[in-house]
Amino acid sequence: MPLSVSYLTDGFILSRHDWKNWDRMYSIITPEGRKEFRAIGSRRPHSKLAGRLEPWQSTRIMVIRGRNSDILADSRPELGWHILRKNFPTFFFAAAYAELVDKLIPLEEPSEEVFLAVRRQFGLLRDLAHGGVTSRKVWRSWWLSASGEIISFAGIYPENTTYDDPEALQWWLTGILDTPLASFPLLRTLL
């Protein structure tokens, strides 16, 4: 039986969902690409990983290669990302952007460029939240810039649709995705 191999990497947590009784699966964008990891026992009340693995958080993770899936062994989150959950616009845009990245960027395709772009866009969103920005024009501008960048990284280019029309971009994305983004109905009200 081969020995486990562990490694450290930087990551940005896009989403999580419950897995079996006490585990969670995490979708994390890393310099090596978007990956899915299992955190064993992270739903237990006294788990050391429970508060360290929250969506929309930049973190340094220790991963152990498993037989069927890679396992998260430890996490060292960066400070300051909790602000994204403090008010509705930043919460919503963080959720919508993470969902878009999760759906458009394929698993295991290495791209440090995508990782840096995701970190940069979430950093801009965090700065907007710290600044208390309420202007719809600013939010619209951020969304169009961030979503346009991820769409181009995915190698998908809209025909007859420009990145400056959020409604047309929404409907175009709905047509190319297997399932529409859950955040689209709210996106229409905020933009």
Foldseek 3Di string as FASTA:
>chain_A
DDDKDKDKFKWAWLDWDDDPDQKIWTFIQTLQGTFIEIEPRLNPPPDPCVVQRDHGWIWMWMWIDDPVGIYTDDIGTDPQRCLCVVDDLSVLLSNQLSLLLVQLTDPRHRHNPVRVLSVVLSVVSSVCSVVVDDDLVVSLVSSLVSNVVSCVVSVDDDDPDDSNDVVVVQVRQCVVTPHHDPSVVVVVVSD
